[in-house]
C-alpha atoms as a PDB file:
ATOM      1  CA  UNK A   1      -0.436  -0.294  -0.272  1.00  0.00           C
ATOM      2  CA  UNK A   2       1.461   2.780  -0.759  1.00  0.00           C
ATOM      3  CA  UNK A   3       2.247   6.277   2.319  1.00  0.00           C
ATOM      4  CA  UNK A   4       1.449   8.753   2.234  1.00  0.00           C
ATOM      5  CA  UNK A   5       3.313  11.601   2.309  1.00  0.00           C
ATOM      6  CA  UNK A   6       1.412  14.137   5.461  1.00  0.00           C
ATOM      7  CA  UNK A   7      -2.077  13.692   7.115  1.00  0.00           C
ATOM      8  CA  UNK A   8      -5.424  13.839   5.790  1.00  0.00           C
ATOM      9  CA  UNK A   9      -7.818  16.544   7.678  1.00  0.00           C
ATOM     10  CA  UNK A  10     -11.415  16.306   7.822  1.00  0.00           C
ATOM     11  CA  UNK A  11     -12.098  18.744   6.088  1.00  0.00           C
ATOM     12  CA  UNK A  12      -9.894  16.255   2.621  1.00  0.00           C
ATOM     13  CA  UNK A  13     -11.280  13.381   4.369  1.00  0.00           C
ATOM     14  CA  UNK A  14     -15.170  15.697   2.739  1.00  0.00           C
ATOM     15  CA  UNK A  15     -13.582  16.415  -0.708  1.00  0.00           C
ATOM     16  CA  UNK A  16     -12.696  12.771  -1.214  1.00  0.00           C
ATOM     17  CA  UNK A  17     -16.036  11.177   0.137  1.00  0.00           C
ATOM     18  CA  UNK A  18     -17.988  13.404  -2.021  1.00  0.00           C
ATOM     19  CA  UNK A  19     -15.490  12.342  -5.114  1.00  0.00           C
ATOM     20  CA  UNK A  20     -16.368   8.902  -4.684  1.00  0.00           C
ATOM     21  CA  UNK A  21     -20.573   8.972  -4.413  1.00  0.00           C
ATOM     22  CA  UNK A  22     -20.086  10.980  -7.074  1.00  0.00           C
ATOM     23  CA  UNK A  23     -18.971   8.341  -8.859  1.00  0.00           C
ATOM     24  CA  UNK A  24     -21.215   5.552  -8.019  1.00  0.00           C
ATOM     25  CA  UNK A  25     -23.419   8.324  -9.372  1.00  0.00           C
ATOM     26  CA  UNK A  26     -21.306   6.850 -12.350  1.00  0.00           C
ATOM     27  CA  UNK A  27     -19.134   8.884 -14.252  1.00  0.00           C
ATOM     28  CA  UNK A  28     -15.968   8.145 -14.007  1.00  0.00           C
ATOM     29  CA  UNK A  29     -14.119  11.335 -13.580  1.00  0.00           C
ATOM     30  CA  UNK A  30     -15.317  14.300 -11.623  1.00  0.00           C
ATOM     31  CA  UNK A  31     -15.628  18.358 -13.012  1.00  0.00           C
ATOM     32  CA  UNK A  32     -14.029  20.625 -10.399  1.00  0.00           C
ATOM     33  CA  UNK A  33     -17.492  21.948 -10.681  1.00  0.00           C
ATOM     34  CA  UNK A  34     -19.503  19.304 -10.345  1.00  0.00           C
ATOM     35  CA  UNK A  35     -17.344  18.780  -6.811  1.00  0.00           C
ATOM     36  CA  UNK A  36     -17.691  21.820  -6.209  1.00  0.00           C
ATOM     37  CA  UNK A  37     -21.723  22.216  -6.765  1.00  0.00           C
ATOM     38  CA  UNK A  38     -21.680  18.985  -5.064  1.00  0.00           C
ATOM     39  CA  UNK A  39     -20.151  20.775  -1.358  1.00  0.00           C
ATOM     40  CA  UNK A  40     -22.211  23.511  -2.030  1.00  0.00           C
ATOM     41  CA  UNK A  41     -18.939  25.581  -2.197  1.00  0.00           C
ATOM     42  CA  UNK A  42     -15.749  27.822  -4.352  1.00  0.00           C
ATOM     43  CA  UNK A  43     -14.535  26.671  -7.639  1.00  0.00           C
ATOM     44  CA  UNK A  44     -11.313  27.836  -5.715  1.00  0.00           C
ATOM     45  CA  UNK A  45     -11.239  25.894  -2.507  1.00  0.00           C
ATOM     46  CA  UNK A  46     -12.025  22.797  -4.673  1.00  0.00           C
ATOM     47  CA  UNK A  47      -8.937  23.827  -6.554  1.00  0.00           C
ATOM     48  CA  UNK A  48      -7.456  24.116  -2.817  1.00  0.00           C
ATOM     49  CA  UNK A  49      -8.060  21.287  -1.478  1.00  0.00           C
ATOM     50  CA  UNK A  50      -7.088  19.174  -5.130  1.00  0.00           C
ATOM     51  CA  UNK A  51      -3.389  20.867  -5.631  1.00  0.00           C
ATOM     52  CA  UNK A  52      -3.609  19.179  -1.230  1.00  0.00           C
ATOM     53  CA  UNK A  53      -5.102  15.463  -2.247  1.00  0.00           C
ATOM     54  CA  UNK A  54      -2.617  15.000  -5.319  1.00  0.00           C
ATOM     55  CA  UNK A  55       0.423  15.389  -2.321  1.00  0.00           C
ATOM     56  CA  UNK A  56      -1.005  12.856  -0.579  1.00  0.00           C
ATOM     57  CA  UNK A  57      -1.046  10.812  -2.996  1.00  0.00           C
ATOM     58  CA  UNK A  58      -5.034   9.995  -2.887  1.00  0.00           C
ATOM     59  CA  UNK A  59      -6.197  11.956  -6.153  1.00  0.00           C
ATOM     60  CA  UNK A  60      -5.727  12.387  -9.648  1.00  0.00           C
ATOM     61  CA  UNK A  61      -5.514  15.645 -11.008  1.00  0.00           C
ATOM     62  CA  UNK A  62      -4.408  18.310 -13.573  1.00  0.00           C
ATOM     63  CA  UNK A  63      -5.280  22.608 -13.490  1.00  0.00           C
ATOM     64  CA  UNK A  64      -8.503  22.818 -15.568  1.00  0.00           C
ATOM     65  CA  UNK A  65      -9.035  18.924 -16.332  1.00  0.00           C
ATOM     66  CA  UNK A  66     -11.189  16.576 -13.944  1.00  0.00           C
ATOM     67  CA  UNK A  67     -10.666  15.518 -10.343  1.00  0.00           C
ATOM     68  CA  UNK A  68     -10.675  10.868  -9.814  1.00  0.00           C
ATOM     69  CA  UNK A  69      -9.716   8.962  -6.893  1.00  0.00           C
ATOM     70  CA  UNK A  70      -6.087   6.887  -7.204  1.00  0.00           C
ATOM     71  CA  UNK A  71      -6.837   3.429  -5.451  1.00  0.00           C
ATOM     72  CA  UNK A  72      -5.574   4.457  -2.112  1.00  0.00           C
ATOM     73  CA  UNK A  73      -8.159   7.490  -2.198  1.00  0.00           C
ATOM     74  CA  UNK A  74     -11.154   5.170  -2.844  1.00  0.00           C
ATOM     75  CA  UNK A  75      -9.869   3.291  -0.161  1.00  0.00           C
ATOM     76  CA  UNK A  76     -10.155   5.905   2.159  1.00  0.00           C
ATOM     77  CA  UNK A  77     -12.863   7.222   0.911  1.00  0.00           C
ATOM     78  CA  UNK A  78     -14.887   4.404   1.032  1.00  0.00           C
ATOM     79  CA  UNK A  79     -13.005   2.949   4.788  1.00  0.00           C
ATOM     80  CA  UNK A  80     -14.355   6.679   5.596  1.00  0.00           C
ATOM     81  CA  UNK A  81     -18.265   6.014   4.124  1.00  0.00           C
ATOM     82  CA  UNK A  82     -17.896   3.113   6.401  1.00  0.00           C
ATOM     83  CA  UNK A  83     -17.856   5.025   9.728  1.00  0.00           C
ATOM     84  CA  UNK A  84     -20.370   6.997   8.857  1.00  0.00           C
ATOM     85  CA  UNK A  85     -22.595   4.018   8.028  1.00  0.00           C
ATOM     86  CA  UNK A  86     -21.585   2.253  11.372  1.00  0.00           C
ATOM     87  CA  UNK A  87     -21.845   4.885  13.609  1.00  0.00           C
ATOM     88  CA  UNK A  88     -25.308   5.882  12.290  1.00  0.00           C
ATOM     89  CA  UNK A  89     -26.570   2.518  12.465  1.00  0.00           C
ATOM     90  CA  UNK A  90     -25.555   2.732  15.653  1.00  0.00           C
ATOM     91  CA  UNK A  91     -27.182   5.746  16.307  1.00  0.00           C
ATOM     92  CA  UNK A  92     -30.725   4.656  14.954  1.00  0.00           C
ATOM     93  CA  UNK A  93     -31.344   1.581  14.928  1.00  0.00           C
ATOM     94  CA  UNK A  94     -29.630   1.064  19.049  1.00  0.00           C
ATOM     95  CA  UNK A  95     -30.031   4.381  19.604  1.00  0.00           C
ATOM     96  CA  UNK A  96     -33.324   5.292  18.886  1.00  0.00           C
ATOM     97  CA  UNK A  97     -32.298   8.710  17.309  1.00  0.00           C
ATOM     98  CA  UNK A  98     -34.124  10.135  14.102  1.00  0.00           C
ATOM     99  CA  UNK A  99     -32.116   9.605  11.320  1.00  0.00           C
ATOM    100  CA  UNK A 100     -31.235  13.609  10.506  1.00  0.00           C
ATOM    101  CA  UNK A 101     -29.845  13.804  14.086  1.00  0.00           C
ATOM    102  CA  UNK A 102     -27.600  10.428  13.179  1.00  0.00           C
ATOM    103  CA  UNK A 103     -26.502  11.948   9.667  1.00  0.00           C
ATOM    104  CA  UNK A 104     -25.112  14.945  11.073  1.00  0.00           C
ATOM    105  CA  UNK A 105     -23.243  13.566  13.804  1.00  0.00           C
ATOM    106  CA  UNK A 106     -22.485  11.626  12.390  1.00  0.00           C
ATOM    107  CA  UNK A 107     -20.939  12.869   9.742  1.00  0.00           C
ATOM    108  CA  UNK A 108     -19.183  14.487  12.464  1.00  0.00           C
ATOM    109  CA  UNK A 109     -17.355  11.180  14.570  1.00  0.00           C
ATOM    110  CA  UNK A 110     -16.723   9.021  11.559  1.00  0.00           C
ATOM    111  CA  UNK A 111     -13.770  11.565  11.253  1.00  0.00           C
ATOM    112  CA  UNK A 112     -12.453  10.152  13.967  1.00  0.00           C
ATOM    113  CA  UNK A 113     -13.101   6.928  13.407  1.00  0.00           C
ATOM    114  CA  UNK A 114     -10.812   4.336  13.904  1.00  0.00           C
ATOM    115  CA  UNK A 115     -11.276   1.162  12.245  1.00  0.00           C
ATOM    116  CA  UNK A 116     -11.742  -1.500  15.062  1.00  0.00           C
ATOM    117  CA  UNK A 117     -14.024   1.323  16.899  1.00  0.00           C
ATOM    118  CA  UNK A 118     -16.340   0.897  13.605  1.00  0.00           C
ATOM    119  CA  UNK A 119     -16.153  -2.590  13.556  1.00  0.00           C
ATOM    120  CA  UNK A 120     -16.921  -3.054  17.075  1.00  0.00           C
ATOM    121  CA  UNK A 121     -19.784  -1.019  16.537  1.00  0.00           C
ATOM    122  CA  UNK A 122     -20.754  -2.696  13.565  1.00  0.00           C
ATOM    123  CA  UNK A 123     -20.907  -6.126  16.194  1.00  0.00           C
ATOM    124  CA  UNK A 124     -22.642  -5.087  18.764  1.00  0.00           C
ATOM    125  CA  UNK A 125     -25.507  -3.335  16.675  1.00  0.00           C
ATOM    126  CA  UNK A 126     -24.997  -7.509  14.653  1.00  0.00           C
ATOM    127  CA  UNK A 127     -25.263  -9.271  18.575  1.00  0.00           C
ATOM    128  CA  UNK A 128     -28.040  -6.510  20.289  1.00  0.00           C
ATOM    129  CA  UNK A 129     -30.283  -7.091  17.009  1.00  0.00           C
ATOM    130  CA  UNK A 130     -29.112 -11.302  17.173  1.00  0.00           C
ATOM    131  CA  UNK A 131     -28.411 -12.709  20.123  1.00  0.00           C
ATOM    132  CA  UNK A 132     -30.785  -9.694  23.221  1.00  0.00           C
ATOM    133  CA  UNK A 133     -34.089 -10.700  22.436  1.00  0.00           C
ATOM    134  CA  UNK A 134     -36.550  -7.440  22.036  1.00  0.00           C
ATOM    135  CA  UNK A 135     -33.641  -5.217  22.542  1.00  0.00           C
ATOM    136  CA  UNK A 136     -34.499  -1.911  20.811  1.00  0.00           C
ATOM    137  CA  UNK A 137     -37.970  -2.362  23.553  1.00  0.00           C
ATOM    138  CA  UNK A 138     -36.773  -2.968  26.370  1.00  0.00           C
ATOM    139  CA  UNK A 139     -34.047  -0.415  26.305  1.00  0.00           C
ATOM    140  CA  UNK A 140     -37.030   1.973  25.120  1.00  0.00           C
ATOM    141  CA  UNK A 141     -38.521   1.188  28.573  1.00  0.00           C
ATOM    142  CA  UNK A 142     -34.905   1.413  29.911  1.00  0.00           C
ATOM    143  CA  UNK A 143     -34.790   5.229  29.330  1.00  0.00           C
ATOM    144  CA  UNK A 144     -38.687   5.998  30.181  1.00  0.00           C
ATOM    145  CA  UNK A 145     -38.045   4.258  33.284  1.00  0.00           C
ATOM    146  CA  UNK A 146     -34.992   3.309  33.418  1.00  0.00           C
ATOM    147  CA  UNK A 147     -35.914   0.454  35.274  1.00  0.00           C
ATOM    148  CA  UNK A 148     -34.622  -2.822  33.638  1.00  0.00           C
ATOM    149  CA  UNK A 149     -37.903  -5.819  32.682  1.00  0.00           C
END
């Protein structure tokens, strides 16, 4: 696996995941303008981020050209989105938060969540759903009156 030359910030992770999402919609490559529209930022912000992502070896991009993920960029974006999805599931399926609040919070947490932690949260969700009879109703009851069955 290629070694990155620096640390990826949460902001740069957002660019990577936006590129990844656009590509999953069927685009082979992404234009700077499309990415700016997707993220609600100026073209110059995309250009600055693209230059930094190129230096990190996460995208390929030439001025006035297309943006594409490198294999490492695709791996990082996929991992980031996976962590977001795992935490979103935890917030909605286990804690019972509403979807919009869970989506917002999962987006914040994904950046600091390690792969091992995401794996364990995913395993906990599966454990609760598979091994703890009626866990959701029991948890809701506990939240309401503070008592175990």
